[in-house]
Protein backbone atom coordinates (compact mmCIF):
# COMPACT_ATOMS: atom_id res chain seq x y z
CA MET A 1 -63.42 -40.36 28.70
CA ASP A 2 -66.90 -41.82 28.10
CA PHE A 3 -68.30 -42.58 31.56
CA LEU A 4 -71.64 -43.55 30.06
CA THR A 5 -69.93 -46.41 28.18
CA ILE A 6 -67.94 -47.43 31.29
CA TYR A 7 -71.19 -47.58 33.31
CA ALA A 8 -72.96 -49.50 30.53
CA GLU A 9 -70.13 -52.06 30.35
CA GLN A 10 -70.20 -52.56 34.12
CA ILE A 11 -73.96 -53.17 34.02
CA THR A 12 -73.59 -55.53 31.06
CA ASP A 13 -70.97 -57.57 32.96
CA SER A 14 -73.17 -57.74 36.05
CA LEU A 15 -76.08 -59.03 33.90
CA ASN A 16 -73.85 -61.72 32.33
CA ALA A 17 -74.15 -59.96 28.96
CA VAL A 18 -77.88 -60.55 28.45
CA LEU A 19 -77.90 -57.00 27.08
CA SER A 20 -75.13 -55.42 25.01
CA ALA A 21 -73.42 -52.24 26.23
CA GLU A 22 -75.11 -50.40 23.30
CA ASP A 23 -78.55 -51.59 24.49
CA VAL A 24 -77.78 -50.50 28.03
CA ILE A 25 -76.63 -47.06 26.86
CA GLN A 26 -80.03 -46.55 25.18
CA LEU A 27 -81.74 -47.20 28.53
CA ILE A 28 -79.50 -45.13 30.83
CA GLU A 29 -81.10 -41.93 32.07
CA LYS A 30 -79.99 -38.85 33.96
CA PRO A 31 -81.70 -38.75 37.36
CA LYS A 32 -84.07 -35.86 37.92
CA TYR A 33 -82.50 -34.89 41.26
CA ASP A 34 -78.81 -34.55 42.16
CA ASP A 35 -79.17 -36.73 45.28
CA GLN A 36 -80.14 -39.64 43.00
CA GLY A 37 -76.69 -39.76 41.42
CA ASP A 38 -75.28 -38.96 37.99
CA LEU A 39 -76.49 -41.95 35.94
CA ALA A 40 -79.52 -44.19 36.36
CA PHE A 41 -80.31 -47.55 34.77
CA PRO A 42 -83.99 -48.66 34.88
CA CYS A 43 -84.56 -52.42 35.28
CA PHE A 44 -88.21 -52.65 34.17
CA THR A 45 -87.43 -54.35 30.83
CA LEU A 46 -85.49 -57.15 32.59
CA ALA A 47 -88.30 -58.28 34.93
CA LYS A 48 -89.82 -60.79 32.50
CA GLN A 49 -86.46 -62.24 31.48
CA PHE A 50 -85.18 -62.75 35.05
CA ARG A 51 -88.60 -63.44 36.57
CA LYS A 52 -87.86 -61.03 39.37
CA SER A 53 -89.13 -57.61 40.35
CA PRO A 54 -87.25 -54.62 38.82
CA ALA A 55 -86.32 -53.52 42.37
CA GLN A 56 -84.74 -56.90 43.15
CA ILE A 57 -82.77 -56.86 39.86
CA ALA A 58 -81.58 -53.30 40.60
CA LYS A 59 -80.36 -54.39 44.05
CA GLU A 60 -78.41 -57.35 42.63
CA VAL A 61 -76.85 -55.30 39.80
CA ALA A 62 -75.83 -52.46 42.17
CA GLU A 63 -73.99 -54.91 44.46
CA LYS A 64 -71.84 -56.22 41.60
CA ILE A 65 -70.58 -52.89 40.19
CA GLU A 66 -67.18 -51.68 41.30
CA HIS A 67 -65.06 -49.15 39.48
CA PRO A 68 -62.68 -46.39 40.63
CA PHE A 69 -64.65 -43.81 38.63
CA PHE A 70 -67.71 -44.49 40.78
CA GLU A 71 -67.94 -43.25 44.38
CA LYS A 72 -70.89 -45.58 44.95
CA VAL A 73 -73.59 -47.47 43.09
CA GLU A 74 -76.90 -48.12 44.83
CA ALA A 75 -80.37 -49.41 44.07
CA ASN A 76 -83.19 -46.89 44.32
CA GLY A 77 -86.36 -48.88 43.76
CA PRO A 78 -86.21 -50.22 40.16
CA TYR A 79 -83.19 -48.02 39.30
CA VAL A 80 -79.44 -48.63 39.58
CA ASN A 81 -78.04 -45.20 40.45
CA GLY A 82 -74.36 -44.47 39.85
CA PHE A 83 -72.54 -41.67 41.69
CA LEU A 84 -69.36 -40.63 39.88
CA ASN A 85 -66.19 -39.88 41.84
CA LYS A 86 -66.14 -36.07 41.51
CA ALA A 87 -62.41 -35.48 42.07
CA LEU A 88 -61.26 -38.35 39.85
CA VAL A 89 -63.72 -37.71 37.02
CA SER A 90 -63.25 -33.91 37.03
CA ARG A 91 -59.46 -34.43 36.81
CA GLU A 92 -59.88 -36.72 33.77
CA ILE A 93 -62.34 -34.36 32.06
CA LEU A 94 -60.35 -31.18 32.66
CA GLN A 95 -57.10 -32.78 31.50
CA MET A 96 -58.84 -34.07 28.38
CA ILE A 97 -60.39 -30.69 27.45
CA LEU A 98 -57.22 -28.69 28.19
CA LYS A 99 -55.15 -31.07 26.09
CA ALA A 100 -57.61 -31.13 23.16
CA GLY A 101 -58.41 -27.40 23.15
CA GLY A 102 -60.76 -26.47 20.29
CA ASN A 103 -60.66 -30.11 19.06
CA TYR A 104 -62.57 -31.25 22.16
CA GLY A 105 -65.85 -32.84 21.06
CA SER A 106 -64.56 -33.82 17.60
CA LEU A 107 -65.96 -37.14 16.36
CA ALA A 108 -64.88 -39.55 13.63
CA ILE A 109 -68.32 -40.81 12.52
CA GLY A 110 -67.99 -39.09 9.13
CA GLU A 111 -64.33 -39.79 8.49
CA GLY A 112 -63.63 -40.28 4.78
CA LYS A 113 -67.23 -39.34 3.85
CA THR A 114 -68.71 -36.31 2.09
CA ILE A 115 -71.93 -34.42 2.78
CA THR A 116 -73.43 -31.85 0.42
CA ILE A 117 -75.57 -29.18 2.08
CA ASP A 118 -77.94 -27.15 -0.09
CA PHE A 119 -78.91 -24.03 1.87
CA SER A 120 -79.73 -20.30 1.72
CA SER A 121 -80.55 -20.28 -2.04
CA PRO A 122 -82.16 -16.83 -2.32
CA ASN A 123 -83.93 -15.67 -5.45
CA ILE A 124 -81.92 -13.38 -7.69
CA ALA A 125 -83.19 -9.80 -8.10
CA LYS A 126 -85.10 -9.99 -4.83
CA PRO A 127 -83.83 -8.68 -1.52
CA PHE A 128 -82.19 -10.93 1.02
CA SER A 129 -84.96 -10.77 3.59
CA MET A 130 -85.38 -12.08 7.13
CA GLY A 131 -87.24 -14.96 5.48
CA HIS A 132 -83.92 -16.18 4.01
CA LEU A 133 -82.16 -16.05 7.36
CA ARG A 134 -83.39 -19.43 8.61
CA SER A 135 -82.09 -21.58 5.77
CA THR A 136 -78.79 -19.67 5.83
CA VAL A 137 -77.99 -19.96 9.54
CA ILE A 138 -79.40 -23.50 9.99
CA GLY A 139 -77.47 -24.75 6.94
CA ASN A 140 -74.26 -23.02 8.02
CA ALA A 141 -74.51 -24.50 11.54
CA LEU A 142 -75.20 -27.99 10.16
CA ALA A 143 -72.14 -27.68 7.91
CA HIS A 144 -69.96 -26.84 10.94
CA ILE A 145 -71.50 -29.65 13.01
CA ALA A 146 -70.98 -32.18 10.19
CA GLU A 147 -67.33 -31.10 9.89
CA LYS A 148 -66.95 -31.52 13.66
CA CYS A 149 -68.24 -35.08 13.18
CA GLY A 150 -65.47 -35.76 10.64
CA TYR A 151 -67.33 -35.21 7.35
CA LYS A 152 -66.03 -33.24 4.40
CA THR A 153 -68.80 -30.74 3.65
CA ILE A 154 -69.70 -29.16 0.32
CA LYS A 155 -71.77 -26.03 0.95
CA ILE A 156 -74.04 -25.30 -2.03
CA ASN A 157 -75.98 -22.09 -2.68
CA HIS A 158 -78.58 -23.23 -5.24
CA LEU A 159 -79.48 -19.71 -6.37
CA GLY A 160 -82.99 -19.03 -7.66
CA ASP A 161 -81.62 -17.50 -10.86
CA TRP A 162 -84.14 -18.80 -13.40
CA GLY A 163 -87.89 -18.90 -13.88
CA THR A 164 -90.95 -16.96 -15.01
CA GLN A 165 -90.27 -14.17 -12.47
CA PHE A 166 -87.48 -12.98 -14.79
CA GLY A 167 -90.01 -12.46 -17.56
CA LYS A 168 -92.00 -10.29 -15.13
CA LEU A 169 -88.92 -8.38 -14.01
CA ILE A 170 -87.70 -7.73 -17.56
CA THR A 171 -91.21 -6.54 -18.52
CA ALA A 172 -91.31 -4.21 -15.49
CA TYR A 173 -87.83 -2.85 -16.22
CA LYS A 174 -88.65 -2.22 -19.90
CA LEU A 175 -91.84 -0.35 -18.92
CA TRP A 176 -90.82 1.59 -15.80
CA GLY A 177 -87.15 0.95 -15.01
CA LYS A 178 -84.25 3.39 -15.18
CA GLU A 179 -80.68 2.14 -15.54
CA GLU A 180 -79.16 4.73 -13.21
CA LYS A 181 -81.67 3.93 -10.44
CA VAL A 182 -80.92 0.18 -10.68
CA LYS A 183 -77.18 0.88 -10.57
CA GLU A 184 -77.60 3.17 -7.56
CA GLN A 185 -79.68 0.73 -5.42
CA PRO A 186 -79.98 -2.50 -7.41
CA ILE A 187 -81.92 -4.76 -5.07
CA LYS A 188 -84.30 -2.13 -3.71
CA GLU A 189 -85.08 -0.85 -7.19
CA LEU A 190 -85.58 -4.35 -8.63
CA LEU A 191 -87.91 -5.21 -5.72
CA SER A 192 -89.87 -2.02 -6.36
CA LEU A 193 -90.26 -2.97 -10.05
CA TYR A 194 -91.30 -6.54 -9.12
CA VAL A 195 -93.97 -5.28 -6.69
CA LYS A 196 -95.21 -2.70 -9.25
CA PHE A 197 -95.57 -5.43 -11.88
CA HIS A 198 -97.93 -7.44 -9.63
CA GLU A 199 -99.94 -4.35 -8.68
CA GLU A 200 -100.38 -3.32 -12.34
CA ALA A 201 -101.03 -6.90 -13.52
CA GLU A 202 -104.09 -7.15 -11.27
CA ALA A 203 -105.76 -4.52 -13.46
CA ASP A 204 -104.04 -5.37 -16.76
CA GLN A 205 -103.83 -9.09 -17.60
CA SER A 206 -101.87 -8.40 -20.79
CA LEU A 207 -98.78 -7.78 -18.61
CA GLU A 208 -98.70 -11.49 -17.70
CA ASP A 209 -98.68 -12.36 -21.44
CA GLU A 210 -95.85 -9.91 -22.03
CA ALA A 211 -93.89 -11.46 -19.14
CA ARG A 212 -94.34 -14.95 -20.60
CA LYS A 213 -93.02 -13.70 -23.95
CA TRP A 214 -89.91 -12.20 -22.35
CA PHE A 215 -89.19 -15.39 -20.43
CA LYS A 216 -89.56 -17.39 -23.65
CA ARG A 217 -87.05 -15.04 -25.28
CA LEU A 218 -84.72 -15.57 -22.32
CA GLU A 219 -85.02 -19.36 -22.66
CA ASP A 220 -84.38 -19.11 -26.40
CA GLY A 221 -81.11 -17.20 -25.79
CA ASP A 222 -82.29 -13.75 -26.97
CA SER A 223 -79.31 -11.39 -26.49
CA GLU A 224 -81.26 -8.50 -24.88
CA ALA A 225 -83.09 -10.80 -22.44
CA GLN A 226 -79.84 -12.63 -21.60
CA ALA A 227 -77.96 -9.35 -21.00
CA LEU A 228 -80.65 -8.06 -18.62
CA TRP A 229 -80.82 -11.40 -16.78
CA LYS A 230 -77.03 -11.49 -16.35
CA TRP A 231 -77.01 -7.89 -15.11
CA PHE A 232 -79.74 -8.61 -12.53
CA ARG A 233 -77.86 -11.74 -11.42
CA ASP A 234 -74.46 -10.01 -11.05
CA GLU A 235 -75.92 -7.08 -9.11
CA SER A 236 -77.83 -9.43 -6.80
CA LEU A 237 -74.79 -11.60 -6.10
CA GLN A 238 -72.77 -8.55 -5.11
CA GLU A 239 -75.49 -7.59 -2.62
CA PHE A 240 -75.78 -11.15 -1.28
CA THR A 241 -72.02 -11.36 -0.82
CA LYS A 242 -72.22 -8.38 1.57
CA ILE A 243 -74.81 -10.22 3.69
CA TYR A 244 -72.84 -13.48 3.71
CA SER A 245 -69.75 -11.53 4.73
CA LEU A 246 -71.64 -9.96 7.66
CA LEU A 247 -72.89 -13.41 8.73
CA ASN A 248 -69.47 -15.02 8.12
CA VAL A 249 -70.99 -17.64 5.79
CA GLN A 250 -69.04 -19.16 2.87
CA PHE A 251 -70.06 -21.48 0.03
CA ASP A 252 -68.20 -23.98 -2.12
CA SER A 253 -70.64 -23.66 -5.04
CA TYR A 254 -73.03 -21.00 -6.35
CA ASN A 255 -74.42 -23.24 -9.10
CA GLY A 256 -78.06 -22.20 -9.24
CA GLU A 257 -81.07 -23.18 -11.32
CA ALA A 258 -79.66 -21.73 -14.55
CA PHE A 259 -76.56 -23.96 -14.28
CA TYR A 260 -78.74 -27.01 -15.03
CA ASN A 261 -80.53 -25.61 -18.11
CA ASP A 262 -78.34 -27.56 -20.57
CA LYS A 263 -78.32 -30.73 -18.44
CA MET A 264 -82.05 -31.41 -17.99
CA LYS A 265 -82.63 -32.88 -21.44
CA LYS A 266 -80.24 -35.73 -20.57
CA THR A 267 -82.13 -36.37 -17.29
CA ILE A 268 -85.49 -36.56 -19.09
CA GLN A 269 -84.03 -38.93 -21.69
CA LEU A 270 -82.62 -41.13 -18.92
CA ILE A 271 -85.96 -41.35 -17.06
CA ASN A 272 -87.70 -42.14 -20.37
CA LYS A 273 -85.11 -44.79 -21.30
CA MET A 274 -85.69 -46.50 -17.93
CA GLY A 275 -89.41 -46.63 -18.74
CA PHE A 276 -90.65 -44.39 -15.91
CA LEU A 277 -91.91 -41.44 -17.98
CA THR A 278 -95.65 -41.51 -18.68
CA GLN A 279 -98.19 -39.12 -20.23
CA SER A 280 -100.77 -37.39 -18.05
CA ASP A 281 -103.03 -34.75 -19.65
CA GLY A 282 -100.29 -34.00 -22.16
CA ALA A 283 -97.62 -33.57 -19.48
CA GLN A 284 -94.73 -35.98 -18.77
CA VAL A 285 -94.77 -37.47 -15.23
CA VAL A 286 -93.30 -40.24 -13.09
CA GLU A 287 -96.06 -42.14 -11.30
CA LEU A 288 -95.63 -42.62 -7.54
CA LYS A 289 -98.89 -44.44 -6.80
CA GLU A 290 -97.03 -47.23 -5.02
CA PHE A 291 -95.96 -44.65 -2.41
CA ASP A 292 -99.46 -43.11 -2.15
CA LEU A 293 -98.13 -39.88 -3.61
CA PRO A 294 -99.26 -37.78 -6.58
CA PRO A 295 -97.17 -38.13 -9.76
CA CYS A 296 -93.91 -36.17 -10.02
CA LEU A 297 -94.29 -33.67 -12.87
CA ILE A 298 -91.20 -33.70 -15.11
CA MET A 299 -92.30 -31.67 -18.14
CA LYS A 300 -95.36 -29.51 -18.78
CA LYS A 301 -97.60 -29.86 -21.81
CA ASP A 302 -95.81 -26.90 -23.45
CA GLY A 303 -92.38 -28.54 -22.96
CA ALA A 304 -91.37 -26.38 -19.96
CA THR A 305 -89.37 -28.06 -17.22
CA LEU A 306 -90.11 -27.77 -13.51
CA TYR A 307 -88.36 -27.61 -10.14
CA ALA A 308 -88.45 -31.41 -9.92
CA THR A 309 -86.64 -31.77 -13.28
CA ARG A 310 -84.00 -29.34 -12.10
CA ASP A 311 -83.56 -30.95 -8.66
CA LEU A 312 -83.28 -34.42 -10.18
CA THR A 313 -80.62 -33.11 -12.57
CA ALA A 314 -78.80 -31.35 -9.72
CA ALA A 315 -78.82 -34.55 -7.61
CA LEU A 316 -77.33 -36.60 -10.47
CA TYR A 317 -74.68 -33.93 -11.09
CA ARG A 318 -73.77 -33.60 -7.39
CA ASN A 319 -73.48 -37.33 -6.84
CA GLU A 320 -71.24 -37.67 -9.88
CA THR A 321 -69.13 -34.66 -8.82
CA TYR A 322 -68.88 -35.21 -5.04
CA GLN A 323 -69.82 -38.90 -4.41
CA PHE A 324 -71.75 -37.80 -1.32
CA GLU A 325 -72.76 -40.12 1.50
CA LYS A 326 -75.55 -37.73 2.48
CA ALA A 327 -77.13 -34.80 0.64
CA LEU A 328 -78.98 -32.36 2.91
CA TYR A 329 -81.54 -29.85 1.62
CA VAL A 330 -82.22 -27.07 4.13
CA VAL A 331 -85.47 -25.82 2.63
CA GLY A 332 -88.78 -24.72 4.24
CA GLN A 333 -91.34 -27.29 5.30
CA GLU A 334 -93.78 -26.24 2.53
CA GLN A 335 -91.48 -28.10 0.09
CA SER A 336 -91.78 -31.47 1.90
CA LEU A 337 -93.92 -33.17 -0.77
CA HIS A 338 -91.62 -31.92 -3.56
CA PHE A 339 -88.53 -33.47 -1.96
CA LYS A 340 -90.33 -36.74 -1.13
CA GLN A 341 -91.22 -37.05 -4.82
CA VAL A 342 -87.71 -36.18 -6.07
CA PHE A 343 -85.99 -38.63 -3.69
CA LEU A 344 -88.43 -41.44 -4.56
CA VAL A 345 -88.01 -40.91 -8.32
CA LEU A 346 -84.24 -41.35 -7.85
CA GLU A 347 -84.76 -44.48 -5.72
CA LYS A 348 -87.12 -45.80 -8.40
CA MET A 349 -84.36 -45.21 -10.95
CA GLY A 350 -82.20 -47.60 -8.92
CA TYR A 351 -79.83 -45.13 -7.26
CA ASP A 352 -78.99 -46.45 -3.77
CA TRP A 353 -77.34 -43.16 -2.89
CA ALA A 354 -80.78 -41.52 -2.98
CA LYS A 355 -81.42 -43.04 0.47
CA GLY A 356 -78.82 -40.58 1.78
CA MET A 357 -80.81 -37.57 0.52
CA ILE A 358 -82.56 -35.76 3.36
CA HIS A 359 -84.88 -32.78 3.42
CA ILE A 360 -84.24 -30.58 6.49
CA PRO A 361 -87.46 -28.56 6.86
CA PHE A 362 -87.93 -25.52 9.09
CA GLY A 363 -90.71 -23.16 10.08
CA PHE A 364 -91.34 -19.61 8.91
CA ILE A 365 -90.19 -16.31 10.28
CA LEU A 366 -93.49 -14.53 10.78
CA LYS A 367 -94.24 -10.83 10.96
CA ASP A 368 -97.40 -9.98 12.91
CA GLY A 369 -98.30 -13.67 12.75
CA LYS A 370 -98.11 -13.83 8.94
CA LYS A 371 -95.54 -15.17 6.50
CA MET A 372 -93.51 -12.46 4.79
CA SER A 373 -94.23 -11.94 1.08
CA THR A 374 -91.83 -10.34 -1.42
CA ARG A 375 -94.61 -10.05 -3.99
CA LYS A 376 -96.64 -7.71 -1.75
CA GLY A 377 -93.56 -5.84 -0.57
CA LYS A 378 -94.04 -7.03 3.05
CA VAL A 379 -90.41 -7.74 3.62
CA VAL A 380 -87.86 -6.92 6.31
CA LEU A 381 -84.39 -6.53 4.83
CA LEU A 382 -81.82 -8.64 6.62
CA GLU A 383 -78.95 -6.23 5.96
CA GLU A 384 -80.86 -3.43 7.71
CA VAL A 385 -81.64 -5.68 10.68
CA ILE A 386 -77.97 -6.71 10.98
CA GLU A 387 -76.76 -3.10 10.81
CA GLU A 388 -79.31 -2.05 13.44
CA ALA A 389 -78.30 -4.96 15.68
CA ILE A 390 -74.64 -3.97 15.43
CA GLN A 391 -75.47 -0.36 16.31
CA MET A 392 -77.56 -1.45 19.32
CA ALA A 393 -74.73 -3.72 20.48
CA LYS A 394 -72.31 -0.81 20.11
CA LYS A 395 -74.53 1.45 22.21
CA SER A 396 -74.77 -1.22 24.92
CA ILE A 397 -70.95 -1.57 24.96
CA GLU A 398 -70.57 2.25 25.15
CA ASP A 399 -72.88 2.28 28.20
CA LYS A 400 -71.33 -0.68 30.03
CA ASN A 401 -67.67 -0.69 28.98
CA PRO A 402 -66.74 2.61 27.29
CA ASP A 403 -62.99 1.90 27.56
CA LEU A 404 -63.17 -1.30 25.51
CA LEU A 405 -60.47 -1.07 22.84
CA ASN A 406 -62.01 -2.96 19.89
CA LYS A 407 -65.61 -1.73 20.24
CA GLU A 408 -66.48 -1.96 16.52
CA GLU A 409 -65.30 -5.56 16.22
CA VAL A 410 -67.05 -6.70 19.41
CA ALA A 411 -70.27 -4.86 18.45
CA HIS A 412 -70.25 -6.79 15.15
CA MET A 413 -69.72 -10.13 16.94
CA VAL A 414 -72.51 -9.39 19.43
CA GLY A 415 -75.03 -7.87 17.00
CA VAL A 416 -74.71 -10.61 14.38
CA GLY A 417 -74.51 -13.26 17.13
CA ALA A 418 -77.78 -12.03 18.67
CA ILE A 419 -79.62 -12.56 15.37
CA ILE A 420 -78.15 -16.00 14.63
CA PHE A 421 -78.63 -17.30 18.18
CA HIS A 422 -82.22 -16.05 18.33
CA ASP A 423 -82.96 -18.27 15.35
CA LEU A 424 -80.95 -21.33 16.36
CA LYS A 425 -82.10 -21.56 19.98
CA ASN A 426 -85.55 -22.43 18.57
CA GLU A 427 -86.22 -25.94 17.26
CA ARG A 428 -86.02 -25.55 13.50
CA GLN A 429 -89.55 -26.86 12.77
CA ASN A 430 -91.11 -24.10 14.89
CA ASN A 431 -92.21 -20.80 13.42
CA ILE A 432 -90.44 -17.73 14.81
CA GLU A 433 -92.10 -14.37 15.26
CA PHE A 434 -89.81 -11.63 13.98
CA SER A 435 -89.11 -9.28 16.88
CA LEU A 436 -86.05 -7.06 16.87
CA GLU A 437 -86.59 -6.37 20.56
CA ASP A 438 -86.45 -10.06 21.58
CA MET A 439 -83.60 -10.79 19.20
CA LEU A 440 -81.37 -8.11 20.67
CA LYS A 441 -81.89 -8.62 24.41
CA PHE A 442 -78.58 -8.86 26.19
CA GLU A 443 -79.77 -11.03 29.05
CA GLY A 444 -81.68 -14.29 29.40
CA THR A 445 -81.66 -16.95 26.68
CA THR A 446 -79.66 -14.98 24.13
CA GLY A 447 -76.42 -15.16 22.20
CA PRO A 448 -74.97 -12.09 23.95
CA TYR A 449 -75.56 -13.82 27.32
CA VAL A 450 -73.41 -16.79 26.22
CA GLN A 451 -70.81 -14.45 24.68
CA TYR A 452 -70.68 -12.38 27.87
CA THR A 453 -70.17 -15.55 29.95
CA HIS A 454 -67.21 -16.45 27.73
CA ALA A 455 -65.77 -12.92 28.07
CA ARG A 456 -66.23 -13.02 31.87
CA ALA A 457 -64.34 -16.34 32.08
CA CYS A 458 -61.55 -14.92 29.88
CA SER A 459 -61.24 -11.86 32.14
CA ILE A 460 -60.63 -14.10 35.19
CA LEU A 461 -57.82 -15.89 33.34
CA ARG A 462 -56.32 -12.54 32.33
CA LYS A 463 -56.31 -11.35 35.95
CA THR A 464 -54.28 -14.35 37.08
CA LYS A 465 -51.78 -13.98 34.20
CA HIS A 466 -51.79 -17.79 34.03
CA ASP A 467 -49.67 -19.08 31.13
CA GLY A 468 -52.19 -21.73 30.06
CA HIS A 469 -49.99 -24.68 31.04
CA TYR A 470 -51.57 -26.90 33.70
CA THR A 471 -49.32 -29.30 35.55
CA ASP A 472 -51.25 -29.83 38.78
CA ILE A 473 -54.83 -30.76 37.88
CA SER A 474 -55.96 -33.03 40.72
CA GLY A 475 -59.72 -32.55 40.36
CA LEU A 476 -62.56 -30.69 42.08
CA ASN A 477 -65.23 -32.10 44.35
CA ASP A 478 -67.55 -29.21 45.28
CA ASP A 479 -71.14 -29.24 44.02
CA TYR A 480 -70.90 -25.98 42.02
CA SER A 481 -67.89 -27.07 39.98
CA TRP A 482 -69.42 -30.54 39.55
CA SER A 483 -72.53 -29.04 37.90
CA VAL A 484 -70.26 -27.38 35.32
CA ILE A 485 -68.02 -30.46 34.88
CA LYS A 486 -71.02 -32.72 34.15
CA LEU A 487 -72.15 -30.37 31.39
CA LEU A 488 -68.65 -30.03 29.88
CA MET A 489 -68.48 -33.84 29.84
CA ASP A 490 -71.66 -33.91 27.71
CA PHE A 491 -70.31 -31.74 24.87
CA PRO A 492 -69.34 -34.59 22.47
CA THR A 493 -72.72 -36.30 23.05
CA VAL A 494 -74.62 -33.05 22.40
CA ILE A 495 -72.71 -32.56 19.13
CA GLU A 496 -73.52 -36.11 18.00
CA LYS A 497 -77.23 -35.77 18.88
CA SER A 498 -77.38 -32.39 17.17
CA PHE A 499 -75.96 -33.95 14.00
CA ILE A 500 -78.15 -37.08 14.10
CA HIS A 501 -81.32 -34.97 14.45
CA TYR A 502 -80.04 -32.09 12.25
CA GLU A 503 -80.98 -29.83 15.13
CA PRO A 504 -78.57 -26.95 15.98
CA SER A 505 -80.95 -25.85 18.77
CA GLN A 506 -79.57 -28.71 20.90
CA ILE A 507 -76.16 -27.01 20.93
CA ALA A 508 -77.68 -23.55 21.53
CA LYS A 509 -79.70 -24.82 24.53
CA TYR A 510 -76.64 -26.67 25.85
CA LEU A 511 -74.54 -23.46 25.71
CA LEU A 512 -77.22 -21.63 27.69
CA ASP A 513 -77.09 -24.40 30.33
CA VAL A 514 -73.27 -24.24 30.53
CA SER A 515 -73.42 -20.43 30.87
CA LYS A 516 -76.05 -20.60 33.59
CA GLU A 517 -74.13 -23.19 35.64
CA PHE A 518 -70.81 -21.39 35.15
CA ASN A 519 -72.30 -18.07 36.31
CA LYS A 520 -73.70 -19.86 39.37
CA TYR A 521 -70.22 -21.29 40.03
CA TYR A 522 -68.65 -17.85 39.58
CA SER A 523 -71.03 -16.21 42.07
CA HIS A 524 -70.65 -18.91 44.78
CA VAL A 525 -66.98 -19.91 44.63
CA LYS A 526 -64.08 -17.61 45.56
CA ILE A 527 -61.96 -18.55 42.58
CA LEU A 528 -58.88 -16.41 43.27
CA SER A 529 -59.11 -16.26 47.08
CA ASN A 530 -56.31 -18.70 47.91
CA GLU A 531 -53.65 -20.83 46.27
CA ALA A 532 -55.05 -24.21 47.41
CA GLY A 533 -56.64 -25.82 44.36
CA LEU A 534 -56.22 -22.63 42.28
CA GLU A 535 -54.95 -24.51 39.24
CA ASN A 536 -58.00 -26.81 39.33
CA ARG A 537 -60.36 -23.82 39.42
CA LEU A 538 -58.50 -22.06 36.61
CA GLY A 539 -58.49 -25.32 34.65
CA LEU A 540 -62.28 -25.42 34.98
CA ILE A 541 -62.57 -21.83 33.78
CA GLN A 542 -60.24 -22.42 30.82
CA SER A 543 -62.17 -25.59 29.92
CA THR A 544 -65.44 -23.61 30.03
CA THR A 545 -64.03 -20.98 27.63
CA ILE A 546 -62.92 -23.77 25.26
CA VAL A 547 -66.39 -25.35 25.17
CA LEU A 548 -68.30 -22.05 24.93
CA LYS A 549 -66.06 -20.74 22.14
CA GLU A 550 -66.25 -23.98 20.15
CA GLY A 551 -70.00 -24.33 20.71
CA LEU A 552 -70.58 -20.77 19.50
CA ARG A 553 -68.34 -21.42 16.47
CA LEU A 554 -70.42 -24.45 15.52
CA LEU A 555 -73.50 -22.22 15.47
CA GLY A 556 -71.74 -19.56 13.39
CA LEU A 557 -71.05 -17.07 16.23
CA LYS A 558 -67.79 -15.58 17.45
CA ALA A 559 -66.74 -15.46 21.10
CA PRO A 560 -65.29 -12.11 22.23
CA ASP A 561 -62.58 -12.24 24.92
CA GLU A 562 -63.80 -8.90 26.24
CA MET A 563 -67.20 -7.20 26.20
């Protein structure tokens, strides 16, 4: 039941349709104070048209609105303030949520359309660090949110499995590596070799030449270079799969950079055939002067391809394979210029679908105020952080609820949830300081706080032994329940806004608000004290569990029934 639309239509009718309902919806606000109602329509923009003061227009509009869902509508200066009928509206909302269950909040805006989401994309033979966490959890949440909006999503892990770093790694392995050590701890040993290469190369420049030779051999299909590359890739993927399993993240495609090696020649030929390829200092580029951007480099002087060549090829392949309506790239903000260039080259080539390609940038995870660097070995391993978080969650459960039956499972939900929520509660463009202490707090604006609220609500329902069938929902009209109802009513709107802005933090902040208002309700209302209105109160609690569980799922968290 969309009360915003109902209010907008009533206002439109009272204004003799000088504004559409859609225009009115854009103007409607939520009053700052509860005593100013639930919805407010400002009349400032109408003053010139009607040649009256906004206050006079507000008074005339308020007098014309009548609807059973509104207790009263009154003018407050230049605003038309609408007060919803608490009992009637809460009955409609609770019945709707209880009937829909986990489908509540689902939208049809993407029905019949496909979105590809390129996210996570770690570099092979390097550890999965905290620095990779952001792309992974933001991308995963956006995939869930897009699905909730009706889209079919294709989740792509564009692995960094090609490039000059493999020449360096092969060189380091040939000089200092031991097979048994790599087999024993593949990622840690490969990182150690990679760091050692850069330390030694500072004093011995010939190492860089050797690395270039090995990468050339790899590109030329040399059997030894290929075998080492494949070994590094397979070992890395096994390690990454453990992390993705811990985070409960799945992909539809692991086609990385190497997948496009045999497809780039065709892309270059196509750009050249269209007449967009030009020479610049011996290199091949596409000029983007008309967009006030530097040229997009397609091929180096020595014939080597670049990230842009690969991403152009990947875009052409993905559009042909998936016929996407949108293609999202969840990649750090330092790549903004790169993606602008790639998207504009495709538009220049005449592909209308390129307008649906969107870069979703995000800030860094910082350690001591600085960006983490694999090259210098300043890296915090995500797997270790997750394991530590799970152990801390387990200890907290042991202290607070030692008789809990499924401690291991709940500790996993809470520990992993704490890490994901800590990231997603922040607006994605902001940098986040890595702090295990803040991440794992079990009170305040944290994932465990929302999870605990869900578990608390579930425990009330268990106590009543209610069967989950509600036949007598007549509505609630107290202020504490109304604060919760108003938030539950907003869930579909929050999902839509979160999708439109590609901003999972909107859902995370919303879940914190719902938890806060529910806990206030719980502490002020005697829920089980008497039979009168019991089913309404239980209906509110059940509806809250539905929204919290589904909201957490959209972010990639699980909702324990007990904690």
